Amino acid sequence: MDNSDGSQSDRGEPIVKRARGSTKMEALVARYQEQRERLHVDFDANMNPIGAEEDRFISYLGYLARSKVRIVYSNWKLVPQKTKEMIWQQILQTYNVPDNKAMNKHWMGEVRLLWKDFKNKLTQKYIRGAKRDEDPCQRYSYISPEDWRLFVASRQDPQFLKVSEANKKRQAGNKYQHYMSRGGYRKLERRMMEEELEKMKEVAKLDSGIIVQAPDPPPRHKKWKFGRLKGDKYINPVVAEVAIKIDELEEKRSQGSFTPSGRMDILSTAIGKADHLSHVRGEPGRVGVATYFGRASRYSSQGEHNRELVAEIREEVSQSLLEEVRQSLREEVRRELEVQLRESLRQELLKELHGEARSIIQSERENEERRTQDSPTFPSAKRSYNLPECTQDI
C-alpha cells in the first residue's frame, strides 16, 4: 500500500475533500524533511506536550496513525512491530522527542488510541452514518479499496456487532460525560491557567507589592468540574450533584475537617469511587494511578528532567511578567509625574503672566498721570456775553 506521498490528491477528481489536517501534515513533513530540521516541542512532568507546538504535535500523531497503520487489523497487537518502529522513527525525525522507553511507551500508546478513534469514525460515518454511500478512499488516499472492503466485512461480522452493542450499553451508563473541545483536559488546563494569570495581573496593577508568578496547574477536581460545564450549567443533574460535593469537600479541607488520603482525594471522594489503575480522571493524556499518586517516589530520569524544565520555564515566565509589571508601573508613575509637572508649570506661567499684566497696567497708569500733568490748564470760570438791545433806530 502506498501511503507515503499523497499524490492521489492531485488527480483532479471533482468531489475530493481531504480530511482535516491530513494534507497539511503531509506538507509539514515534506518541508521539514527537506530542510532536515526537527520541530521543537516541550513536555510537562506527565509527558504531555506544552508550548506552541503542542496542538500540531498531536495532529501529526493522528496523521501517522491514519496513514501508516492499515485499518484491517482488528487490534493493536496485530499491527507488525516493524510498522510501529517506523512510526516512532518518523516521530523522532520530525520532532525533538527524547528517545527513551518511557516516551516511546507513552506516545505509541497515544498513536494506538488515535488509530482506534479513526476506525470508529470510519464506522460511524461511512458504514452506519449519512456517508454510507460515499467512498472514504476518495478522501483518505492511504486507504486502498481492498483494505476498505475487508474493513467493512469485519465491522459487519456478528461477533464484532455483539461486542459493539455491549460497548454502547456501557457507554450509555457513563453518568459523567464531559463537554470539552478536541484538546480535552490539556487545552482546558491551559485555558484555566491563562485566565488565572490574567486575574493575577489585574490584582498586581492595584498593588505594586504583588509579584506575578506563573500559576500552578489547577487541581484535577476543578478541571473535572469545568470540563462538564455547558455554558454556566452542568451537563446533567448527576454531574451537578458531584460538583456540589466537591465544593463542600474543598470547604471542609480548608477548615481541617477533611484530609485526602491516598487515591481518595477530593474528586474520588465526591464521586464515591477510586480511579481506574490505568487512567486518572481529570488529567490530560494517559496518566495512570502510579504516575499520578505515586510520582513523589517514582520519578524516572526523564520525568525529573521534565520537572526541571517546567521549573525553568516557570522562572523565565515569572521574570518576564515581573518586568512587564515593573514597566507598567514605571509608565504609570511617569504619566502621573508628567501631569503634575504640567500643572505646576501652568500655575507658574499664570503667575508670571499675572505679574506682567499688573506691571503693564501700573505702567499705563503712570504714563497717564504724566500726560495729565504736562498738558495746559484752562480756567474753569464761565464767561458771560451780553447781547445789545435791539432798538427801532437801527
Protein backbone atom coordinates (compact mmCIF):
# COMPACT_ATOMS: atom_id res chain seq x y z
CA MET A 1 0.00 0.00 0.00
CA ASP A 2 1.38 3.35 -0.97
CA ASN A 3 0.83 5.67 1.96
CA SER A 4 3.79 7.95 1.85
CA ASP A 5 3.25 10.67 -0.72
CA GLY A 6 -0.47 11.52 -1.07
CA SER A 7 -0.03 12.09 -4.84
CA GLN A 8 -3.59 10.97 -5.48
CA SER A 9 -4.77 14.35 -4.17
CA ASP A 10 -3.63 15.89 -7.48
CA ARG A 11 -5.70 13.69 -9.80
CA GLY A 12 -8.27 16.42 -10.35
CA GLU A 13 -11.35 14.38 -9.38
CA PRO A 14 -14.45 16.61 -8.99
CA ILE A 15 -15.54 15.54 -5.49
CA VAL A 16 -12.37 15.21 -3.47
CA LYS A 17 -12.39 16.76 0.00
CA ARG A 18 -9.42 15.93 2.18
CA ALA A 19 -9.76 15.13 5.86
CA ARG A 20 -8.90 17.99 8.19
CA GLY A 21 -5.18 18.18 8.79
CA SER A 22 -4.08 15.31 6.53
CA THR A 23 -2.78 17.38 3.62
CA LYS A 24 -1.36 19.99 5.98
CA MET A 25 0.57 17.33 7.86
CA GLU A 26 1.98 15.96 4.63
CA ALA A 27 3.19 19.43 3.68
CA LEU A 28 4.66 19.89 7.14
CA VAL A 29 6.58 16.63 6.95
CA ALA A 30 7.83 17.35 3.43
CA ARG A 31 9.06 20.82 4.34
CA TYR A 32 10.94 19.85 7.47
CA GLN A 33 12.38 16.68 5.96
CA GLU A 34 13.68 18.74 3.05
CA GLN A 35 15.25 21.25 5.42
CA ARG A 36 16.43 18.45 7.73
CA GLU A 37 15.24 20.44 10.69
CA ARG A 38 13.32 18.98 13.62
CA LEU A 39 10.49 20.86 15.28
CA HIS A 40 10.87 21.69 18.96
CA VAL A 41 8.22 20.59 21.46
CA ASP A 42 8.37 20.67 25.26
CA PHE A 43 6.77 18.22 27.69
CA ASP A 44 5.50 18.54 31.24
CA ALA A 45 6.16 16.12 34.09
CA ASN A 46 3.44 13.78 32.78
CA MET A 47 4.97 13.76 29.28
CA ASN A 48 2.14 15.86 27.83
CA PRO A 49 3.19 18.38 25.16
CA ILE A 50 3.28 22.05 26.12
CA GLY A 51 4.09 25.21 24.24
CA ALA A 52 3.44 26.50 20.74
CA GLU A 53 3.80 23.09 19.03
CA GLU A 54 1.56 21.02 21.31
CA ASP A 55 -1.53 21.05 19.05
CA ARG A 56 0.40 20.35 15.87
CA PHE A 57 2.32 17.56 17.58
CA ILE A 58 -0.93 15.75 18.45
CA SER A 59 -2.25 16.35 14.92
CA TYR A 60 0.93 14.86 13.50
CA LEU A 61 0.47 11.71 15.60
CA GLY A 62 -3.08 11.44 14.28
CA TYR A 63 -1.77 11.73 10.73
CA LEU A 64 0.71 8.91 11.36
CA ALA A 65 -1.96 6.73 12.96
CA ARG A 66 -4.29 7.17 9.99
CA SER A 67 -1.80 6.93 7.16
CA LYS A 68 0.79 4.40 8.35
CA VAL A 69 -1.32 1.70 10.04
CA ARG A 70 -3.71 -0.34 7.94
CA ILE A 71 -7.31 -0.40 9.15
CA VAL A 72 -7.69 -4.14 8.52
CA TYR A 73 -6.05 -5.11 11.83
CA SER A 74 -8.67 -5.86 14.49
CA ASN A 75 -6.44 -4.68 17.36
CA TRP A 76 -3.10 -3.01 18.00
CA LYS A 77 -1.34 -6.23 18.95
CA LEU A 78 -1.74 -7.49 15.38
CA VAL A 79 0.00 -4.44 13.91
CA PRO A 80 3.51 -5.51 12.78
CA GLN A 81 6.31 -4.38 15.07
CA LYS A 82 8.14 -3.06 12.01
CA THR A 83 5.27 -0.63 11.38
CA LYS A 84 5.34 0.57 14.99
CA GLU A 85 9.10 1.13 14.87
CA MET A 86 8.77 3.02 11.61
CA ILE A 87 6.17 5.36 13.18
CA TRP A 88 8.39 6.00 16.19
CA GLN A 89 11.34 6.82 13.96
CA GLN A 90 9.25 9.28 11.96
CA ILE A 91 8.23 10.98 15.22
CA LEU A 92 11.90 11.28 16.22
CA GLN A 93 12.86 12.61 12.78
CA THR A 94 10.17 15.31 12.81
CA TYR A 95 10.21 16.38 16.48
CA ASN A 96 12.91 16.54 19.13
CA VAL A 97 11.19 13.93 21.31
CA PRO A 98 13.55 12.22 23.81
CA ASP A 99 14.27 8.71 22.56
CA ASN A 100 13.70 6.59 25.64
CA LYS A 101 11.47 3.74 26.75
CA ALA A 102 9.06 5.89 28.77
CA MET A 103 8.39 8.34 25.92
CA ASN A 104 8.08 5.51 23.41
CA LYS A 105 5.51 3.69 25.53
CA HIS A 106 3.53 6.86 26.24
CA TRP A 107 3.32 8.24 22.71
CA MET A 108 2.96 4.97 20.86
CA GLY A 109 0.06 4.33 23.21
CA GLU A 110 -1.39 7.65 22.06
CA VAL A 111 -0.93 6.60 18.41
CA ARG A 112 -2.83 3.41 19.21
CA LEU A 113 -5.76 5.39 20.64
CA LEU A 114 -5.79 7.76 17.65
CA TRP A 115 -5.78 4.81 15.26
CA LYS A 116 -8.68 3.24 17.16
CA ASP A 117 -10.60 6.54 17.08
CA PHE A 118 -10.05 6.80 13.33
CA LYS A 119 -11.51 3.35 12.74
CA ASN A 120 -14.52 4.21 14.91
CA LYS A 121 -15.00 7.40 12.90
CA LEU A 122 -14.98 5.45 9.65
CA THR A 123 -17.54 3.02 11.06
CA GLN A 124 -19.89 5.71 12.32
CA LYS A 125 -19.73 7.85 9.15
CA TYR A 126 -19.16 5.53 6.21
CA ILE A 127 -20.78 2.27 7.34
CA ARG A 128 -23.61 3.31 9.65
CA GLY A 129 -23.92 7.04 9.09
CA ALA A 130 -25.01 9.56 6.48
CA LYS A 131 -21.96 8.90 4.28
CA ARG A 132 -22.58 5.19 3.86
CA ASP A 133 -22.94 5.66 0.08
CA GLU A 134 -19.64 7.54 -0.22
CA ASP A 135 -16.21 6.05 -0.79
CA PRO A 136 -13.74 7.03 2.01
CA CYS A 137 -10.85 6.06 -0.27
CA GLN A 138 -11.55 9.27 -2.19
CA ARG A 139 -10.99 11.31 0.96
CA TYR A 140 -8.23 9.25 2.57
CA SER A 141 -5.82 8.33 -0.19
CA TYR A 142 -3.88 5.99 2.09
CA ILE A 143 -6.88 3.57 2.35
CA SER A 144 -6.85 1.11 -0.52
CA PRO A 145 -10.15 -0.25 -1.95
CA GLU A 146 -9.20 -3.78 -0.85
CA ASP A 147 -8.49 -2.66 2.73
CA TRP A 148 -11.82 -0.84 2.83
CA ARG A 149 -13.68 -3.95 1.62
CA LEU A 150 -12.05 -6.08 4.32
CA PHE A 151 -12.72 -3.42 6.95
CA VAL A 152 -16.44 -3.23 6.10
CA ALA A 153 -16.71 -7.02 6.25
CA SER A 154 -15.05 -7.10 9.68
CA ARG A 155 -17.41 -4.43 11.02
CA GLN A 156 -20.42 -6.42 9.86
CA ASP A 157 -19.22 -9.62 11.49
CA PRO A 158 -21.75 -10.91 14.11
CA GLN A 159 -19.08 -11.19 16.79
CA PHE A 160 -17.98 -7.58 16.26
CA LEU A 161 -21.61 -6.38 16.33
CA LYS A 162 -22.13 -8.19 19.64
CA VAL A 163 -19.10 -6.53 21.23
CA SER A 164 -20.09 -3.15 19.77
CA GLU A 165 -23.56 -3.38 21.27
CA ALA A 166 -22.11 -4.21 24.67
CA ASN A 167 -19.79 -1.19 24.44
CA LYS A 168 -22.74 1.06 23.56
CA LYS A 169 -24.63 -0.05 26.65
CA ARG A 170 -21.59 0.51 28.83
CA GLN A 171 -21.04 4.00 27.40
CA ALA A 172 -24.72 4.85 27.90
CA GLY A 173 -24.19 4.14 31.59
CA ASN A 174 -21.49 6.81 31.84
CA LYS A 175 -23.09 9.43 34.07
CA TYR A 176 -20.13 11.82 33.98
CA GLN A 177 -19.64 12.54 30.28
CA HIS A 178 -17.54 15.63 29.67
CA TYR A 179 -18.18 18.63 27.41
CA MET A 180 -14.76 19.62 26.08
CA SER A 181 -13.13 20.50 22.79
CA ARG A 182 -10.73 18.38 20.76
CA GLY A 183 -7.82 19.23 23.08
CA GLY A 184 -9.58 17.76 26.11
CA TYR A 185 -8.14 18.38 29.56
CA ARG A 186 -4.88 19.55 28.03
CA LYS A 187 -6.44 22.65 26.46
CA LEU A 188 -8.82 23.13 29.38
CA GLU A 189 -5.90 23.21 31.82
CA ARG A 190 -4.03 25.75 29.69
CA ARG A 191 -7.10 27.98 29.40
CA MET A 192 -7.72 27.88 33.15
CA MET A 193 -4.08 28.82 33.85
CA GLU A 194 -4.22 31.69 31.36
CA GLU A 195 -7.38 33.04 33.00
CA GLU A 196 -5.79 32.78 36.44
CA LEU A 197 -2.71 34.60 35.19
CA GLU A 198 -4.82 37.46 33.84
CA LYS A 199 -6.55 37.79 37.21
CA MET A 200 -3.18 37.97 38.95
CA LYS A 201 -2.00 40.67 36.55
CA GLU A 202 -5.09 42.78 37.25
CA VAL A 203 -4.54 42.49 41.00
CA ALA A 204 -0.85 43.39 40.63
CA LYS A 205 -1.78 46.61 38.84
CA LEU A 206 -3.54 47.75 42.01
CA ASP A 207 -0.79 46.66 44.39
CA SER A 208 2.84 47.21 43.39
CA GLY A 209 3.97 44.85 46.15
CA ILE A 210 2.45 41.81 44.46
CA ILE A 211 4.85 39.75 42.35
CA VAL A 212 3.11 37.96 39.50
CA GLN A 213 4.20 34.34 39.03
CA ALA A 214 3.03 31.68 36.61
CA PRO A 215 0.14 29.86 38.30
CA ASP A 216 0.32 26.19 39.18
CA PRO A 217 -1.84 23.78 37.17
CA PRO A 218 -5.35 23.60 38.65
CA PRO A 219 -6.18 20.51 40.74
CA ARG A 220 -7.91 17.75 38.88
CA HIS A 221 -11.25 18.15 40.68
CA LYS A 222 -11.51 21.72 39.32
CA LYS A 223 -10.67 20.56 35.80
CA TRP A 224 -13.23 17.77 36.15
CA LYS A 225 -15.90 20.35 37.08
CA PHE A 226 -15.07 22.86 34.34
CA GLY A 227 -14.86 20.07 31.74
CA ARG A 228 -18.55 19.31 32.35
CA LEU A 229 -19.91 22.83 32.11
CA LYS A 230 -22.08 23.73 29.15
CA GLY A 231 -22.28 27.48 29.32
CA ASP A 232 -22.85 28.19 33.00
CA LYS A 233 -24.66 24.93 33.77
CA TYR A 234 -23.51 21.35 34.25
CA ILE A 235 -24.45 18.87 31.55
CA ASN A 236 -26.74 16.80 33.80
CA PRO A 237 -28.07 16.72 37.40
CA VAL A 238 -25.73 13.89 38.40
CA VAL A 239 -22.66 15.95 37.48
CA ALA A 240 -24.13 18.97 39.28
CA GLU A 241 -24.54 16.89 42.43
CA VAL A 242 -20.90 15.78 42.32
CA ALA A 243 -19.83 19.39 41.74
CA ILE A 244 -21.66 20.44 44.91
CA LYS A 245 -19.90 17.68 46.86
CA ILE A 246 -16.55 18.88 45.51
CA ASP A 247 -17.25 22.41 46.73
CA GLU A 248 -18.26 21.08 50.15
CA LEU A 249 -15.11 18.96 50.42
CA GLU A 250 -12.94 21.94 49.47
CA GLU A 251 -14.56 23.95 52.26
CA LYS A 252 -14.07 21.11 54.76
CA ARG A 253 -10.44 20.73 53.81
CA SER A 254 -9.85 24.46 54.33
CA GLN A 255 -11.39 24.10 57.79
CA GLY A 256 -9.34 20.99 58.57
CA SER A 257 -12.31 18.63 58.85
CA PHE A 258 -11.39 16.67 55.69
CA THR A 259 -8.00 15.26 54.76
CA PRO A 260 -7.48 13.48 51.41
CA SER A 261 -6.00 10.04 51.85
CA GLY A 262 -4.09 8.25 49.10
CA ARG A 263 -6.18 7.72 45.99
CA MET A 264 -9.31 9.03 47.73
CA ASP A 265 -8.71 12.71 47.15
CA ILE A 266 -11.43 15.33 46.72
CA LEU A 267 -12.60 14.11 43.29
CA SER A 268 -12.63 10.39 44.11
CA THR A 269 -14.38 11.07 47.43
CA ALA A 270 -17.03 13.23 45.75
CA ILE A 271 -17.70 10.56 43.11
CA GLY A 272 -17.51 7.79 45.69
CA LYS A 273 -15.15 5.64 43.67
CA ALA A 274 -11.38 5.45 43.22
CA ASP A 275 -9.73 5.90 39.82
CA HIS A 276 -9.03 3.07 37.42
CA LEU A 277 -5.43 1.88 37.66
CA SER A 278 -4.63 2.84 34.07
CA HIS A 279 -6.31 6.26 33.95
CA VAL A 280 -6.76 9.13 36.37
CA ARG A 281 -9.86 11.31 35.97
CA GLY A 282 -9.41 14.98 35.19
CA GLU A 283 -5.86 14.67 33.83
CA PRO A 284 -4.71 15.14 30.21
CA GLY A 285 -3.28 12.19 28.38
CA ARG A 286 -3.00 8.67 29.71
CA VAL A 287 -1.92 9.22 33.31
CA GLY A 288 -2.10 6.12 35.49
CA VAL A 289 -2.63 5.90 39.24
CA ALA A 290 1.00 5.01 39.94
CA THR A 291 2.20 8.02 37.95
CA TYR A 292 -0.23 10.50 39.47
CA PHE A 293 -0.43 9.46 43.12
CA GLY A 294 2.96 7.82 43.48
CA ARG A 295 5.17 10.15 41.45
CA ALA A 296 6.88 11.63 44.51
CA SER A 297 8.82 8.38 44.86
CA ARG A 298 8.65 7.00 41.32
CA TYR A 299 10.09 9.70 39.11
CA SER A 300 12.04 8.47 36.12
CA SER A 301 15.11 10.36 34.96
CA GLN A 302 13.06 11.78 32.11
CA GLY A 303 10.32 12.84 34.49
CA GLU A 304 12.87 14.60 36.65
CA HIS A 305 14.28 16.31 33.58
CA ASN A 306 10.82 17.47 32.57
CA ARG A 307 10.13 18.78 36.08
CA GLU A 308 13.33 20.79 35.99
CA LEU A 309 12.39 22.09 32.54
CA VAL A 310 8.94 23.16 33.76
CA ALA A 311 10.52 24.89 36.77
CA GLU A 312 12.96 26.69 34.49
CA ILE A 313 10.18 27.82 32.15
CA ARG A 314 8.11 28.96 35.13
CA GLU A 315 11.02 31.02 36.41
CA GLU A 316 11.52 32.62 33.00
CA VAL A 317 7.82 33.43 32.71
CA SER A 318 7.78 34.85 36.24
CA GLN A 319 10.73 37.13 35.49
CA SER A 320 9.13 38.23 32.24
CA LEU A 321 5.84 39.01 33.96
CA LEU A 322 7.65 40.82 36.77
CA GLU A 323 9.42 43.01 34.23
CA GLU A 324 6.10 43.70 32.50
CA VAL A 325 4.54 44.79 35.79
CA ARG A 326 7.55 46.96 36.63
CA GLN A 327 7.45 48.58 33.20
CA SER A 328 3.72 49.18 33.56
CA LEU A 329 4.24 50.79 36.96
CA ARG A 330 7.06 52.93 35.61
CA GLU A 331 4.80 54.13 32.81
CA GLU A 332 2.03 54.95 35.28
CA VAL A 333 4.44 56.89 37.54
CA ARG A 334 5.89 58.72 34.54
CA ARG A 335 2.41 59.74 33.34
CA GLU A 336 1.44 60.89 36.83
CA LEU A 337 4.62 62.95 37.21
CA GLU A 338 4.09 64.44 33.77
CA VAL A 339 0.57 65.55 34.75
CA GLN A 340 1.86 67.06 38.00
CA LEU A 341 4.68 68.85 36.18
CA ARG A 342 2.32 70.24 33.58
CA GLU A 343 0.03 71.59 36.30
CA SER A 344 2.97 73.11 38.19
CA LEU A 345 4.29 74.81 35.05
CA ARG A 346 0.82 76.04 34.24
CA GLN A 347 0.50 77.66 37.67
CA GLU A 348 3.93 79.28 37.38
CA LEU A 349 3.13 80.57 33.91
CA LEU A 350 -0.14 82.02 35.10
CA LYS A 351 1.67 83.80 37.95
CA GLU A 352 4.19 85.24 35.52
CA LEU A 353 1.50 86.42 33.15
CA HIS A 354 -0.47 87.89 36.01
CA GLY A 355 2.63 89.77 37.23
CA GLU A 356 3.38 91.08 33.77
CA ALA A 357 -0.20 92.20 33.35
CA ARG A 358 -0.10 94.09 36.63
CA SER A 359 3.17 95.76 35.60
CA ILE A 360 1.69 96.82 32.29
CA ILE A 361 -1.40 98.22 33.96
CA GLN A 362 0.72 100.10 36.54
CA SER A 363 2.91 101.49 33.79
CA GLU A 364 -0.09 102.68 31.82
CA ARG A 365 -1.47 104.43 34.87
CA GLU A 366 1.82 106.23 35.50
CA ASN A 367 2.03 107.31 31.85
CA GLU A 368 -1.50 108.64 32.01
CA GLU A 369 -0.69 110.67 35.11
CA ARG A 370 2.39 112.17 33.44
CA ARG A 371 0.42 113.13 30.38
CA THR A 372 -2.16 114.81 32.58
CA GLN A 373 0.48 116.85 34.42
CA ASP A 374 2.20 118.05 31.23
CA SER A 375 -0.95 119.24 29.38
CA PRO A 376 -2.02 123.08 29.60
CA THR A 377 -4.77 124.06 32.04
CA PHE A 378 -7.78 126.27 31.24
CA PRO A 379 -9.82 128.44 33.66
CA SER A 380 -12.85 126.85 34.78
CA ALA A 381 -14.94 130.10 35.22
CA LYS A 382 -17.54 130.60 32.63
CA ARG A 383 -17.65 133.90 30.78
CA SER A 384 -20.99 135.63 30.08
CA TYR A 385 -21.67 137.60 26.98
CA ASN A 386 -24.48 140.34 26.84
CA LEU A 387 -26.07 140.94 23.52
CA PRO A 388 -27.01 144.59 22.63
CA GLU A 389 -30.67 145.54 22.89
CA CYS A 390 -32.48 145.94 19.70
CA THR A 391 -33.91 149.48 19.02
CA GLN A 392 -36.15 150.95 16.41
CA ASP A 393 -33.45 153.49 15.31
CA ILE A 394 -31.25 150.80 13.80
